Amino acid sequence: MHYDINAFVKEALTRGIPKPEVQAALRKAGWQDDEINAALGLFADVPFAIPVPKRKPYLSAREAFMYLLLFLCLYISAFAFGTLLFHFINRWIPDALQPYASYDLSSVRMSVASLIVAFPVYLWLSSLVAGAIRKDSEKKASKIRKWLTYITLFITAGVIIGDLITLLFNLLGGELTLRFTLKVLTVLLIAGLIFGYYLWDLRQEEKEG
């Protein structure tokens, strides 16, 4: 007979065993804290004859759409902002081998247009999501929100690592110029801000949980 941790927790709570004791027993049995907390979190701290299950957050199509659009606008805004900063660096420090090279102004217009459209949408959706979470804290447990947050952390961490590798590679080769350094720092700044913000958001959620 399959007897999982959820069934064990339910039976233990039914017998009136306090949650701290259940948690301690599971730890001794080798269960991880995240598994224990997830199982205990299925039941509310409500005085009743039997364990009362907590309401599970329902993922609606509307919520999924909002989170997908929010992170899409974040990526578009970050890329457009980086492209603009690259353009300013190119104008400020022209390439010594091509000092009179023409600049692609169409990419600048596209970046400006992308920022004007995508960034306000990102801010608006962020405010809607924050308002929804304030009204119902269970929405913080949204699986798509966590998945997209961790995917964003993975992407930005990869960008940061690749950026630092590129910087070190050019430094060791003696090809480090001011123009190149500024571009590397631009990528590092944008990716670092996004990574730092969403990591902080996850840490706050863990503290509140």
C-alpha atoms as a PDB file:
ATOM      1  CA  MET A   1       0.000   0.000   0.000  1.00  0.00           C
ATOM      2  CA  HIS A   2       1.399   3.379  -1.015  1.00  0.00           C
ATOM      3  CA  TYR A   3       1.781   5.589   2.042  1.00  0.00           C
ATOM      4  CA  ASP A   4       3.133   9.021   1.205  1.00  0.00           C
ATOM      5  CA  ILE A   5       4.068  11.979   3.360  1.00  0.00           C
ATOM      6  CA  ASN A   6       0.701  13.708   2.831  1.00  0.00           C
ATOM      7  CA  ALA A   7      -1.206  10.712   4.135  1.00  0.00           C
ATOM      8  CA  PHE A   8       1.168  10.467   7.114  1.00  0.00           C
ATOM      9  CA  VAL A   9       0.721  14.154   7.984  1.00  0.00           C
ATOM     10  CA  LYS A  10      -3.057  13.891   7.684  1.00  0.00           C
ATOM     11  CA  GLU A  11      -3.211  10.862   9.976  1.00  0.00           C
ATOM     12  CA  ALA A  12      -0.839  12.443  12.498  1.00  0.00           C
ATOM     13  CA  LEU A  13      -2.898  15.631  12.651  1.00  0.00           C
ATOM     14  CA  THR A  14      -6.090  13.572  12.921  1.00  0.00           C
ATOM     15  CA  ARG A  15      -4.630  11.954  16.054  1.00  0.00           C
ATOM     16  CA  GLY A  16      -3.952  15.389  17.493  1.00  0.00           C
ATOM     17  CA  ILE A  17      -0.172  15.365  17.189  1.00  0.00           C
ATOM     18  CA  PRO A  18       1.140  18.968  17.008  1.00  0.00           C
ATOM     19  CA  LYS A  19       2.746  20.099  13.775  1.00  0.00           C
ATOM     20  CA  PRO A  20       6.212  20.714  15.339  1.00  0.00           C
ATOM     21  CA  GLU A  21       6.317  17.087  16.514  1.00  0.00           C
ATOM     22  CA  VAL A  22       5.221  15.839  13.089  1.00  0.00           C
ATOM     23  CA  GLN A  23       7.911  18.001  11.510  1.00  0.00           C
ATOM     24  CA  ALA A  24      10.593  16.652  13.872  1.00  0.00           C
ATOM     25  CA  ALA A  25       9.594  13.037  13.187  1.00  0.00           C
ATOM     26  CA  LEU A  26       9.740  13.538   9.429  1.00  0.00           C
ATOM     27  CA  ARG A  27      13.155  15.188   9.674  1.00  0.00           C
ATOM     28  CA  LYS A  28      14.478  12.207  11.603  1.00  0.00           C
ATOM     29  CA  ALA A  29      13.095   9.972   8.843  1.00  0.00           C
ATOM     30  CA  GLY A  30      15.169  11.876   6.270  1.00  0.00           C
ATOM     31  CA  TRP A  31      12.536  14.085   4.662  1.00  0.00           C
ATOM     32  CA  GLN A  32      13.686  17.491   3.413  1.00  0.00           C
ATOM     33  CA  ASP A  33      12.324  20.721   4.919  1.00  0.00           C
ATOM     34  CA  ASP A  34      10.681  21.823   1.685  1.00  0.00           C
ATOM     35  CA  GLU A  35       8.853  18.477   1.429  1.00  0.00           C
ATOM     36  CA  ILE A  36       7.769  18.647   5.067  1.00  0.00           C
ATOM     37  CA  ASN A  37       6.574  22.256   4.803  1.00  0.00           C
ATOM     38  CA  ALA A  38       4.668  21.465   1.620  1.00  0.00           C
ATOM     39  CA  ALA A  39       2.870  18.554   3.292  1.00  0.00           C
ATOM     40  CA  LEU A  40       2.090  20.489   6.479  1.00  0.00           C
ATOM     41  CA  GLY A  41       1.015  23.465   4.401  1.00  0.00           C
ATOM     42  CA  LEU A  42      -1.824  21.438   2.916  1.00  0.00           C
ATOM     43  CA  PHE A  43      -3.749  21.762   6.182  1.00  0.00           C
ATOM     44  CA  ALA A  44      -4.943  24.940   7.886  1.00  0.00           C
ATOM     45  CA  ASP A  45      -4.369  25.783  11.548  1.00  0.00           C
ATOM     46  CA  VAL A  46      -8.072  25.650  12.311  1.00  0.00           C
ATOM     47  CA  PRO A  47      -9.445  23.952  15.448  1.00  0.00           C
ATOM     48  CA  PHE A  48     -11.631  21.104  14.209  1.00  0.00           C
ATOM     49  CA  ALA A  49     -12.170  17.387  14.793  1.00  0.00           C
ATOM     50  CA  ILE A  50     -10.227  16.454  11.666  1.00  0.00           C
ATOM     51  CA  PRO A  51      -7.502  18.293   9.668  1.00  0.00           C
ATOM     52  CA  VAL A  52      -8.960  21.063   7.525  1.00  0.00           C
ATOM     53  CA  PRO A  53      -7.380  21.292   4.050  1.00  0.00           C
ATOM     54  CA  LYS A  54      -6.244  24.671   2.812  1.00  0.00           C
ATOM     55  CA  ARG A  55      -7.748  26.067  -0.351  1.00  0.00           C
ATOM     56  CA  LYS A  56      -5.416  25.452  -3.264  1.00  0.00           C
ATOM     57  CA  PRO A  57      -4.739  28.478  -5.486  1.00  0.00           C
ATOM     58  CA  TYR A  58      -6.533  28.061  -8.791  1.00  0.00           C
ATOM     59  CA  LEU A  59      -4.536  28.912 -11.906  1.00  0.00           C
ATOM     60  CA  SER A  60      -6.920  30.545 -14.338  1.00  0.00           C
ATOM     61  CA  ALA A  61      -6.199  31.156 -18.002  1.00  0.00           C
ATOM     62  CA  ARG A  62      -6.352  34.891 -17.251  1.00  0.00           C
ATOM     63  CA  GLU A  63      -3.662  34.602 -14.566  1.00  0.00           C
ATOM     64  CA  ALA A  64      -1.411  32.556 -16.854  1.00  0.00           C
ATOM     65  CA  PHE A  65      -1.867  35.128 -19.624  1.00  0.00           C
ATOM     66  CA  MET A  66      -0.965  38.003 -17.266  1.00  0.00           C
ATOM     67  CA  TYR A  67       2.224  36.371 -16.005  1.00  0.00           C
ATOM     68  CA  LEU A  68       3.364  35.322 -19.477  1.00  0.00           C
ATOM     69  CA  LEU A  69       2.737  38.822 -20.839  1.00  0.00           C
ATOM     70  CA  LEU A  70       4.424  40.429 -17.813  1.00  0.00           C
ATOM     71  CA  PHE A  71       7.662  38.498 -18.270  1.00  0.00           C
ATOM     72  CA  LEU A  72       7.558  38.945 -22.046  1.00  0.00           C
ATOM     73  CA  CYS A  73       7.378  42.725 -21.565  1.00  0.00           C
ATOM     74  CA  LEU A  74      10.253  42.494 -19.081  1.00  0.00           C
ATOM     75  CA  TYR A  75      12.475  40.706 -21.619  1.00  0.00           C
ATOM     76  CA  ILE A  76      11.548  43.123 -24.414  1.00  0.00           C
ATOM     77  CA  SER A  77      12.240  46.135 -22.188  1.00  0.00           C
ATOM     78  CA  ALA A  78      15.602  44.794 -21.019  1.00  0.00           C
ATOM     79  CA  PHE A  79      16.751  44.021 -24.566  1.00  0.00           C
ATOM     80  CA  ALA A  80      15.567  47.402 -25.897  1.00  0.00           C
ATOM     81  CA  PHE A  81      17.240  49.308 -23.054  1.00  0.00           C
ATOM     82  CA  GLY A  82      20.487  47.438 -23.622  1.00  0.00           C
ATOM     83  CA  THR A  83      20.366  48.155 -27.356  1.00  0.00           C
ATOM     84  CA  LEU A  84      19.914  51.881 -26.659  1.00  0.00           C
ATOM     85  CA  LEU A  85      22.846  51.970 -24.261  1.00  0.00           C
ATOM     86  CA  PHE A  86      25.017  50.137 -26.808  1.00  0.00           C
ATOM     87  CA  HIS A  87      24.100  52.784 -29.388  1.00  0.00           C
ATOM     88  CA  PHE A  88      25.098  55.611 -27.039  1.00  0.00           C
ATOM     89  CA  ILE A  89      28.411  53.874 -26.292  1.00  0.00           C
ATOM     90  CA  ASN A  90      29.081  53.480 -30.021  1.00  0.00           C
ATOM     91  CA  ARG A  91      28.383  57.170 -30.581  1.00  0.00           C
ATOM     92  CA  TRP A  92      30.468  58.253 -27.595  1.00  0.00           C
ATOM     93  CA  ILE A  93      33.419  55.975 -28.391  1.00  0.00           C
ATOM     94  CA  PRO A  94      33.532  55.299 -32.161  1.00  0.00           C
ATOM     95  CA  ASP A  95      35.322  52.260 -33.509  1.00  0.00           C
ATOM     96  CA  ALA A  96      38.909  53.289 -34.302  1.00  0.00           C
ATOM     97  CA  LEU A  97      38.927  51.038 -37.378  1.00  0.00           C
ATOM     98  CA  GLN A  98      35.653  52.472 -38.698  1.00  0.00           C
ATOM     99  CA  PRO A  99      35.379  56.019 -37.330  1.00  0.00           C
ATOM    100  CA  TYR A 100      32.891  57.112 -39.987  1.00  0.00           C
ATOM    101  CA  ALA A 101      30.701  54.029 -39.946  1.00  0.00           C
ATOM    102  CA  SER A 102      27.010  54.804 -40.289  1.00  0.00           C
ATOM    103  CA  TYR A 103      24.755  53.944 -37.376  1.00  0.00           C
ATOM    104  CA  ASP A 104      21.613  51.908 -37.762  1.00  0.00           C
ATOM    105  CA  LEU A 105      19.019  54.415 -36.592  1.00  0.00           C
ATOM    106  CA  SER A 106      16.204  51.990 -37.341  1.00  0.00           C
ATOM    107  CA  SER A 107      17.336  49.803 -34.423  1.00  0.00           C
ATOM    108  CA  VAL A 108      17.323  52.880 -32.202  1.00  0.00           C
ATOM    109  CA  ARG A 109      13.770  53.745 -33.240  1.00  0.00           C
ATOM    110  CA  MET A 110      12.699  50.161 -32.647  1.00  0.00           C
ATOM    111  CA  SER A 111      14.300  50.152 -29.193  1.00  0.00           C
ATOM    112  CA  VAL A 112      12.619  53.432 -28.236  1.00  0.00           C
ATOM    113  CA  ALA A 113       9.262  52.190 -29.529  1.00  0.00           C
ATOM    114  CA  SER A 114       9.678  48.909 -27.643  1.00  0.00           C
ATOM    115  CA  LEU A 115      10.442  50.718 -24.398  1.00  0.00           C
ATOM    116  CA  ILE A 116       7.531  53.120 -24.796  1.00  0.00           C
ATOM    117  CA  VAL A 117       5.111  50.233 -25.284  1.00  0.00           C
ATOM    118  CA  ALA A 118       6.522  47.291 -23.306  1.00  0.00           C
ATOM    119  CA  PHE A 119       7.832  48.946 -20.140  1.00  0.00           C
ATOM    120  CA  PRO A 120       4.583  50.725 -19.151  1.00  0.00           C
ATOM    121  CA  VAL A 121       2.694  47.473 -19.816  1.00  0.00           C
ATOM    122  CA  TYR A 122       5.171  45.655 -17.558  1.00  0.00           C
ATOM    123  CA  LEU A 123       4.667  48.229 -14.777  1.00  0.00           C
ATOM    124  CA  TRP A 124       0.887  48.084 -15.181  1.00  0.00           C
ATOM    125  CA  LEU A 125       0.769  44.288 -15.048  1.00  0.00           C
ATOM    126  CA  SER A 126       3.132  44.275 -12.065  1.00  0.00           C
ATOM    127  CA  SER A 127       0.767  46.586 -10.183  1.00  0.00           C
ATOM    128  CA  LEU A 128      -2.214  44.374 -11.069  1.00  0.00           C
ATOM    129  CA  VAL A 129      -0.402  41.252  -9.867  1.00  0.00           C
ATOM    130  CA  ALA A 130       0.738  42.960  -6.651  1.00  0.00           C
ATOM    131  CA  GLY A 131      -2.831  44.114  -5.977  1.00  0.00           C
ATOM    132  CA  ALA A 132      -4.204  40.628  -6.551  1.00  0.00           C
ATOM    133  CA  ILE A 133      -1.624  39.140  -4.155  1.00  0.00           C
ATOM    134  CA  ARG A 134      -2.500  41.722  -1.481  1.00  0.00           C
ATOM    135  CA  LYS A 135      -6.153  40.678  -1.722  1.00  0.00           C
ATOM    136  CA  ASP A 136      -5.351  36.957  -1.762  1.00  0.00           C
ATOM    137  CA  SER A 137      -1.915  35.973  -0.422  1.00  0.00           C
ATOM    138  CA  GLU A 138      -2.424  32.425  -1.734  1.00  0.00           C
ATOM    139  CA  LYS A 139      -1.791  33.761  -5.233  1.00  0.00           C
ATOM    140  CA  LYS A 140       1.895  33.966  -4.304  1.00  0.00           C
ATOM    141  CA  ALA A 141       1.926  30.186  -4.560  1.00  0.00           C
ATOM    142  CA  SER A 142       1.040  30.355  -8.264  1.00  0.00           C
ATOM    143  CA  LYS A 143       3.084  27.685 -10.036  1.00  0.00           C
ATOM    144  CA  ILE A 144       3.406  29.604 -13.296  1.00  0.00           C
ATOM    145  CA  ARG A 145       4.633  32.651 -11.370  1.00  0.00           C
ATOM    146  CA  LYS A 146       7.334  30.588  -9.663  1.00  0.00           C
ATOM    147  CA  TRP A 147       8.305  28.785 -12.857  1.00  0.00           C
ATOM    148  CA  LEU A 148       8.678  32.014 -14.829  1.00  0.00           C
ATOM    149  CA  THR A 149      10.574  33.632 -11.952  1.00  0.00           C
ATOM    150  CA  TYR A 150      13.060  30.766 -11.776  1.00  0.00           C
ATOM    151  CA  ILE A 151      13.401  30.690 -15.577  1.00  0.00           C
ATOM    152  CA  THR A 152      14.167  34.433 -15.460  1.00  0.00           C
ATOM    153  CA  LEU A 153      16.749  33.849 -12.720  1.00  0.00           C
ATOM    154  CA  PHE A 154      18.287  31.063 -14.809  1.00  0.00           C
ATOM    155  CA  ILE A 155      18.477  33.226 -17.951  1.00  0.00           C
ATOM    156  CA  THR A 156      19.914  36.260 -16.161  1.00  0.00           C
ATOM    157  CA  ALA A 157      22.405  34.107 -14.223  1.00  0.00           C
ATOM    158  CA  GLY A 158      23.552  32.586 -17.512  1.00  0.00           C
ATOM    159  CA  VAL A 159      23.925  36.057 -19.048  1.00  0.00           C
ATOM    160  CA  ILE A 160      25.924  37.284 -16.042  1.00  0.00           C
ATOM    161  CA  ILE A 161      28.239  34.257 -16.094  1.00  0.00           C
ATOM    162  CA  GLY A 162      28.748  34.522 -19.864  1.00  0.00           C
ATOM    163  CA  ASP A 163      29.349  38.255 -19.554  1.00  0.00           C
ATOM    164  CA  LEU A 164      32.021  37.782 -16.890  1.00  0.00           C
ATOM    165  CA  ILE A 165      33.678  34.983 -18.891  1.00  0.00           C
ATOM    166  CA  THR A 166      33.842  37.255 -21.942  1.00  0.00           C
ATOM    167  CA  LEU A 167      35.298  40.069 -19.844  1.00  0.00           C
ATOM    168  CA  LEU A 168      37.972  37.807 -18.351  1.00  0.00           C
ATOM    169  CA  PHE A 169      38.774  36.264 -21.741  1.00  0.00           C
ATOM    170  CA  ASN A 170      39.445  39.670 -23.298  1.00  0.00           C
ATOM    171  CA  LEU A 171      41.324  40.838 -20.216  1.00  0.00           C
ATOM    172  CA  LEU A 172      43.680  37.852 -20.385  1.00  0.00           C
ATOM    173  CA  GLY A 173      44.167  38.448 -24.101  1.00  0.00           C
ATOM    174  CA  GLY A 174      45.068  42.098 -23.570  1.00  0.00           C
ATOM    175  CA  GLU A 175      42.168  43.239 -25.770  1.00  0.00           C
ATOM    176  CA  LEU A 176      40.217  45.135 -23.114  1.00  0.00           C
ATOM    177  CA  THR A 177      39.127  48.525 -24.479  1.00  0.00           C
ATOM    178  CA  LEU A 178      36.928  51.172 -22.864  1.00  0.00           C
ATOM    179  CA  ARG A 179      34.231  50.639 -25.503  1.00  0.00           C
ATOM    180  CA  PHE A 180      34.134  46.888 -24.875  1.00  0.00           C
ATOM    181  CA  THR A 181      34.254  47.294 -21.089  1.00  0.00           C
ATOM    182  CA  LEU A 182      31.278  49.657 -21.078  1.00  0.00           C
ATOM    183  CA  LYS A 183      29.224  47.206 -23.125  1.00  0.00           C
ATOM    184  CA  VAL A 184      30.096  44.361 -20.774  1.00  0.00           C
ATOM    185  CA  LEU A 185      29.145  46.492 -17.765  1.00  0.00           C
ATOM    186  CA  THR A 186      25.869  47.437 -19.468  1.00  0.00           C
ATOM    187  CA  VAL A 187      24.882  43.794 -19.867  1.00  0.00           C
ATOM    188  CA  LEU A 188      26.030  43.055 -16.318  1.00  0.00           C
ATOM    189  CA  LEU A 189      24.005  45.953 -14.915  1.00  0.00           C
ATOM    190  CA  ILE A 190      20.737  45.048 -16.668  1.00  0.00           C
ATOM    191  CA  ALA A 191      20.979  41.317 -15.981  1.00  0.00           C
ATOM    192  CA  GLY A 192      22.162  41.935 -12.421  1.00  0.00           C
ATOM    193  CA  LEU A 193      19.251  44.239 -11.594  1.00  0.00           C
ATOM    194  CA  ILE A 194      16.691  41.756 -12.900  1.00  0.00           C
ATOM    195  CA  PHE A 195      18.375  38.833 -11.131  1.00  0.00           C
ATOM    196  CA  GLY A 196      18.707  40.758  -7.870  1.00  0.00           C
ATOM    197  CA  TYR A 197      15.109  41.960  -7.847  1.00  0.00           C
ATOM    198  CA  TYR A 198      13.500  38.568  -8.485  1.00  0.00           C
ATOM    199  CA  LEU A 199      15.866  36.786  -6.092  1.00  0.00           C
ATOM    200  CA  TRP A 200      14.947  39.328  -3.413  1.00  0.00           C
ATOM    201  CA  ASP A 201      11.257  38.771  -4.185  1.00  0.00           C
ATOM    202  CA  LEU A 202      11.654  35.007  -3.675  1.00  0.00           C
ATOM    203  CA  ARG A 203      13.554  35.542  -0.423  1.00  0.00           C
ATOM    204  CA  GLN A 204      10.788  37.828   0.878  1.00  0.00           C
ATOM    205  CA  GLU A 205       8.212  35.203  -0.010  1.00  0.00           C
ATOM    206  CA  GLU A 206      10.162  32.539   1.897  1.00  0.00           C
ATOM    207  CA  LYS A 207      10.383  34.792   4.979  1.00  0.00           C
ATOM    208  CA  GLU A 208       6.677  35.536   4.912  1.00  0.00           C
ATOM    209  CA  GLY A 209       5.907  31.852   4.378  1.00  0.00           C
END
